[in-house]
Amino acid sequence: MFNTVSARQIQREYKKVLQKANKSKEPIVVMANNKPLGAVIGLDLLEKIQLEILVSQALEDSKLGKTKVIKNMKDLKEDFQELEKYVFSKD
């Protein structure tokens, strides 16, 4: 079961709630009128979720053949040159 806090507690003690979320590494459900309103998560958990999403997307791209295999240093250098053109042309 998730830890819960009231919306009022968030207003009064937001620093403590954020510290608790970061320390516990678990979501804290915010309740208003005994109904779930939202959640507070720590930065570590947010990063973990974002990484899991990126890995999932990368695996899906790989399954669909949307990835490129780099076989040697020449291919790698060519890819970096292509990326540099793209990145620096945006400025």
N, C-alpha and C. Protein backbone atom coordinates (compact mmCIF):
# COMPACT_ATOMS: atom_id res chain seq x y z
N MET A 1 0.84 -1.18 0.00
CA MET A 1 0.00 0.00 0.00
C MET A 1 0.89 1.24 0.00
N PHE A 2 0.45 2.26 -0.70
CA PHE A 2 1.22 3.50 -0.79
C PHE A 2 1.09 4.31 0.49
N ASN A 3 2.14 5.11 0.76
CA ASN A 3 2.04 6.12 1.80
C ASN A 3 1.11 7.21 1.29
N THR A 4 0.38 7.82 2.19
CA THR A 4 -0.53 8.89 1.79
C THR A 4 -0.30 10.14 2.65
N VAL A 5 -0.63 11.29 2.07
CA VAL A 5 -0.64 12.55 2.80
C VAL A 5 -1.87 13.31 2.33
N SER A 6 -2.31 14.22 3.16
CA SER A 6 -3.45 15.04 2.77
C SER A 6 -2.95 16.24 1.95
N ALA A 7 -3.84 16.78 1.15
CA ALA A 7 -3.50 17.98 0.39
C ALA A 7 -3.14 19.11 1.34
N ARG A 8 -3.81 19.19 2.46
CA ARG A 8 -3.52 20.22 3.46
C ARG A 8 -2.10 20.04 4.00
N GLN A 9 -1.71 18.79 4.24
CA GLN A 9 -0.36 18.53 4.74
C GLN A 9 0.69 18.97 3.72
N ILE A 10 0.41 18.78 2.45
CA ILE A 10 1.32 19.25 1.41
C ILE A 10 1.50 20.76 1.53
N GLN A 11 0.40 21.47 1.73
CA GLN A 11 0.47 22.92 1.85
C GLN A 11 1.30 23.36 3.05
N ARG A 12 1.14 22.65 4.13
CA ARG A 12 1.80 23.05 5.38
C ARG A 12 3.24 22.55 5.49
N GLU A 13 3.49 21.35 4.98
CA GLU A 13 4.79 20.70 5.20
C GLU A 13 5.39 20.17 3.91
N TYR A 14 5.36 20.96 2.85
CA TYR A 14 5.82 20.44 1.57
C TYR A 14 7.26 19.95 1.61
N LYS A 15 8.14 20.63 2.35
CA LYS A 15 9.54 20.20 2.41
C LYS A 15 9.67 18.81 3.03
N LYS A 16 8.94 18.57 4.12
CA LYS A 16 8.99 17.26 4.78
C LYS A 16 8.45 16.17 3.86
N VAL A 17 7.38 16.48 3.14
CA VAL A 17 6.79 15.49 2.24
C VAL A 17 7.77 15.16 1.12
N LEU A 18 8.40 16.18 0.54
CA LEU A 18 9.37 15.95 -0.53
C LEU A 18 10.57 15.16 -0.01
N GLN A 19 11.04 15.48 1.18
CA GLN A 19 12.15 14.73 1.77
C GLN A 19 11.77 13.27 1.99
N LYS A 20 10.54 13.05 2.45
CA LYS A 20 10.06 11.69 2.67
C LYS A 20 9.98 10.92 1.34
N ALA A 21 9.51 11.59 0.29
CA ALA A 21 9.41 10.95 -1.02
C ALA A 21 10.80 10.57 -1.54
N ASN A 22 11.76 11.46 -1.35
CA ASN A 22 13.12 11.17 -1.80
C ASN A 22 13.76 10.06 -0.98
N LYS A 23 13.51 10.06 0.31
CA LYS A 23 14.11 9.07 1.20
C LYS A 23 13.49 7.68 1.01
N SER A 24 12.18 7.63 0.89
CA SER A 24 11.50 6.34 0.82
C SER A 24 11.60 5.68 -0.54
N LYS A 25 11.86 6.50 -1.60
CA LYS A 25 11.93 5.99 -2.97
C LYS A 25 10.63 5.31 -3.39
N GLU A 26 9.54 5.71 -2.77
CA GLU A 26 8.20 5.22 -3.10
C GLU A 26 7.29 6.42 -3.33
N PRO A 27 6.28 6.26 -4.18
CA PRO A 27 5.33 7.37 -4.37
C PRO A 27 4.54 7.64 -3.09
N ILE A 28 4.17 8.89 -2.92
CA ILE A 28 3.29 9.28 -1.82
C ILE A 28 2.01 9.81 -2.47
N VAL A 29 0.91 9.18 -2.17
CA VAL A 29 -0.37 9.57 -2.75
C VAL A 29 -0.95 10.74 -1.97
N VAL A 30 -1.34 11.78 -2.68
CA VAL A 30 -1.95 12.96 -2.06
C VAL A 30 -3.46 12.77 -2.09
N MET A 31 -4.07 12.88 -0.90
CA MET A 31 -5.50 12.68 -0.76
C MET A 31 -6.20 14.00 -0.49
N ALA A 32 -7.37 14.19 -1.10
CA ALA A 32 -8.22 15.33 -0.81
C ALA A 32 -9.64 14.80 -0.69
N ASN A 33 -10.27 15.09 0.44
CA ASN A 33 -11.62 14.58 0.72
C ASN A 33 -11.67 13.05 0.61
N ASN A 34 -10.64 12.40 1.14
CA ASN A 34 -10.52 10.94 1.15
C ASN A 34 -10.51 10.32 -0.24
N LYS A 35 -10.09 11.08 -1.23
CA LYS A 35 -9.97 10.56 -2.60
C LYS A 35 -8.56 10.87 -3.10
N PRO A 36 -7.96 9.95 -3.83
CA PRO A 36 -6.63 10.20 -4.38
C PRO A 36 -6.67 11.36 -5.37
N LEU A 37 -5.76 12.29 -5.20
CA LEU A 37 -5.73 13.49 -6.04
C LEU A 37 -4.50 13.50 -6.96
N GLY A 38 -3.43 12.93 -6.50
CA GLY A 38 -2.19 12.91 -7.27
C GLY A 38 -1.13 12.18 -6.49
N ALA A 39 0.11 12.33 -6.92
CA ALA A 39 1.21 11.65 -6.24
C ALA A 39 2.45 12.52 -6.23
N VAL A 40 3.27 12.31 -5.23
CA VAL A 40 4.57 12.97 -5.12
C VAL A 40 5.61 11.86 -5.18
N ILE A 41 6.60 12.05 -6.07
CA ILE A 41 7.67 11.06 -6.15
C ILE A 41 9.00 11.78 -6.03
N GLY A 42 10.00 11.06 -5.55
CA GLY A 42 11.33 11.61 -5.42
C GLY A 42 12.04 11.63 -6.76
N LEU A 43 13.12 12.37 -6.82
CA LEU A 43 13.87 12.50 -8.07
C LEU A 43 14.49 11.19 -8.52
N ASP A 44 14.96 10.38 -7.58
CA ASP A 44 15.55 9.09 -7.95
C ASP A 44 14.52 8.20 -8.65
N LEU A 45 13.31 8.18 -8.11
CA LEU A 45 12.25 7.37 -8.71
C LEU A 45 11.86 7.93 -10.07
N LEU A 46 11.81 9.24 -10.21
CA LEU A 46 11.50 9.85 -11.50
C LEU A 46 12.55 9.46 -12.54
N GLU A 47 13.82 9.53 -12.18
CA GLU A 47 14.89 9.14 -13.10
C GLU A 47 14.77 7.67 -13.48
N LYS A 48 14.44 6.83 -12.52
CA LYS A 48 14.28 5.40 -12.78
C LYS A 48 13.15 5.16 -13.77
N ILE A 49 12.04 5.84 -13.58
CA ILE A 49 10.90 5.70 -14.48
C ILE A 49 11.26 6.17 -15.88
N GLN A 50 11.94 7.31 -15.97
CA GLN A 50 12.35 7.83 -17.28
C GLN A 50 13.30 6.86 -17.98
N LEU A 51 14.24 6.29 -17.24
CA LEU A 51 15.17 5.32 -17.85
C LEU A 51 14.44 4.07 -18.33
N GLU A 52 13.48 3.60 -17.54
CA GLU A 52 12.71 2.43 -17.94
C GLU A 52 11.93 2.71 -19.23
N ILE A 53 11.39 3.90 -19.36
CA ILE A 53 10.67 4.28 -20.58
C ILE A 53 11.62 4.31 -21.77
N LEU A 54 12.81 4.92 -21.58
CA LEU A 54 13.78 4.98 -22.67
C LEU A 54 14.24 3.60 -23.11
N VAL A 55 14.49 2.73 -22.16
CA VAL A 55 14.92 1.36 -22.49
C VAL A 55 13.81 0.63 -23.24
N SER A 56 12.59 0.79 -22.78
CA SER A 56 11.45 0.16 -23.44
C SER A 56 11.30 0.66 -24.88
N GLN A 57 11.44 1.97 -25.06
CA GLN A 57 11.35 2.54 -26.41
C GLN A 57 12.49 2.04 -27.30
N ALA A 58 13.69 1.95 -26.73
CA ALA A 58 14.85 1.48 -27.50
C ALA A 58 14.66 0.02 -27.91
N LEU A 59 14.15 -0.80 -27.01
CA LEU A 59 13.90 -2.21 -27.35
C LEU A 59 12.84 -2.33 -28.44
N GLU A 60 11.81 -1.52 -28.36
CA GLU A 60 10.76 -1.53 -29.38
C GLU A 60 11.32 -1.09 -30.74
N ASP A 61 12.13 -0.03 -30.73
CA ASP A 61 12.76 0.43 -31.98
C ASP A 61 13.65 -0.66 -32.56
N SER A 62 14.37 -1.35 -31.70
CA SER A 62 15.23 -2.43 -32.16
C SER A 62 14.42 -3.55 -32.80
N LYS A 63 13.31 -3.92 -32.17
CA LYS A 63 12.45 -4.97 -32.72
C LYS A 63 11.87 -4.58 -34.07
N LEU A 64 11.61 -3.28 -34.26
CA LEU A 64 11.02 -2.80 -35.50
C LEU A 64 12.08 -2.50 -36.56
N GLY A 65 13.34 -2.72 -36.23
CA GLY A 65 14.42 -2.49 -37.19
C GLY A 65 14.75 -1.02 -37.39
N LYS A 66 14.45 -0.19 -36.43
CA LYS A 66 14.70 1.25 -36.54
C LYS A 66 16.07 1.65 -36.01
N THR A 67 16.87 0.69 -35.63
CA THR A 67 18.19 1.01 -35.09
C THR A 67 19.26 0.73 -36.13
N LYS A 68 20.42 1.30 -35.90
CA LYS A 68 21.54 1.13 -36.82
C LYS A 68 22.66 0.42 -36.09
N VAL A 69 23.24 -0.56 -36.75
CA VAL A 69 24.36 -1.29 -36.18
C VAL A 69 25.65 -0.61 -36.61
N ILE A 70 26.49 -0.28 -35.65
CA ILE A 70 27.79 0.32 -35.93
C ILE A 70 28.83 -0.78 -35.76
N LYS A 71 29.49 -1.10 -36.86
CA LYS A 71 30.39 -2.26 -36.85
C LYS A 71 31.85 -1.92 -36.60
N ASN A 72 32.20 -0.67 -36.83
CA ASN A 72 33.61 -0.32 -36.67
C ASN A 72 33.74 1.16 -36.33
N MET A 73 34.98 1.58 -36.08
CA MET A 73 35.23 2.98 -35.69
C MET A 73 34.89 3.95 -36.82
N LYS A 74 35.10 3.54 -38.06
CA LYS A 74 34.78 4.41 -39.19
C LYS A 74 33.28 4.74 -39.18
N ASP A 75 32.44 3.71 -38.99
CA ASP A 75 30.99 3.94 -38.93
C ASP A 75 30.63 4.86 -37.77
N LEU A 76 31.30 4.67 -36.64
CA LEU A 76 31.03 5.49 -35.47
C LEU A 76 31.39 6.95 -35.74
N LYS A 77 32.55 7.19 -36.32
CA LYS A 77 32.97 8.55 -36.62
C LYS A 77 32.01 9.21 -37.62
N GLU A 78 31.58 8.45 -38.62
CA GLU A 78 30.62 8.99 -39.59
C GLU A 78 29.31 9.37 -38.92
N ASP A 79 28.86 8.54 -38.01
CA ASP A 79 27.62 8.85 -37.28
C ASP A 79 27.77 10.10 -36.43
N PHE A 80 28.91 10.24 -35.76
CA PHE A 80 29.16 11.44 -34.96
C PHE A 80 29.19 12.69 -35.83
N GLN A 81 29.81 12.59 -36.99
CA GLN A 81 29.85 13.74 -37.90
C GLN A 81 28.45 14.12 -38.35
N GLU A 82 27.64 13.13 -38.63
CA GLU A 82 26.26 13.38 -39.03
C GLU A 82 25.47 14.03 -37.90
N LEU A 83 25.67 13.54 -36.68
CA LEU A 83 25.00 14.13 -35.53
C LEU A 83 25.44 15.57 -35.29
N GLU A 84 26.73 15.83 -35.41
CA GLU A 84 27.24 17.19 -35.22
C GLU A 84 26.61 18.15 -36.22
N LYS A 85 26.48 17.73 -37.48
CA LYS A 85 25.84 18.57 -38.48
C LYS A 85 24.41 18.89 -38.05
N TYR A 86 23.71 17.90 -37.58
CA TYR A 86 22.31 18.09 -37.16
C TYR A 86 22.21 19.00 -35.95
N VAL A 87 23.05 18.76 -34.95
CA VAL A 87 23.00 19.54 -33.72
C VAL A 87 23.39 20.99 -33.95
N PHE A 88 24.50 21.21 -34.67
CA PHE A 88 24.99 22.56 -34.84
C PHE A 88 24.22 23.35 -35.89
N SER A 89 23.49 22.67 -36.75
CA SER A 89 22.68 23.40 -37.73
C SER A 89 21.43 23.98 -37.09
N LYS A 90 21.08 23.53 -35.88
CA LYS A 90 19.90 24.02 -35.15
C LYS A 90 20.15 25.37 -34.52
N ASP A 91 21.41 25.74 -34.30
CA ASP A 91 21.75 26.99 -33.63
C ASP A 91 21.48 28.20 -34.45
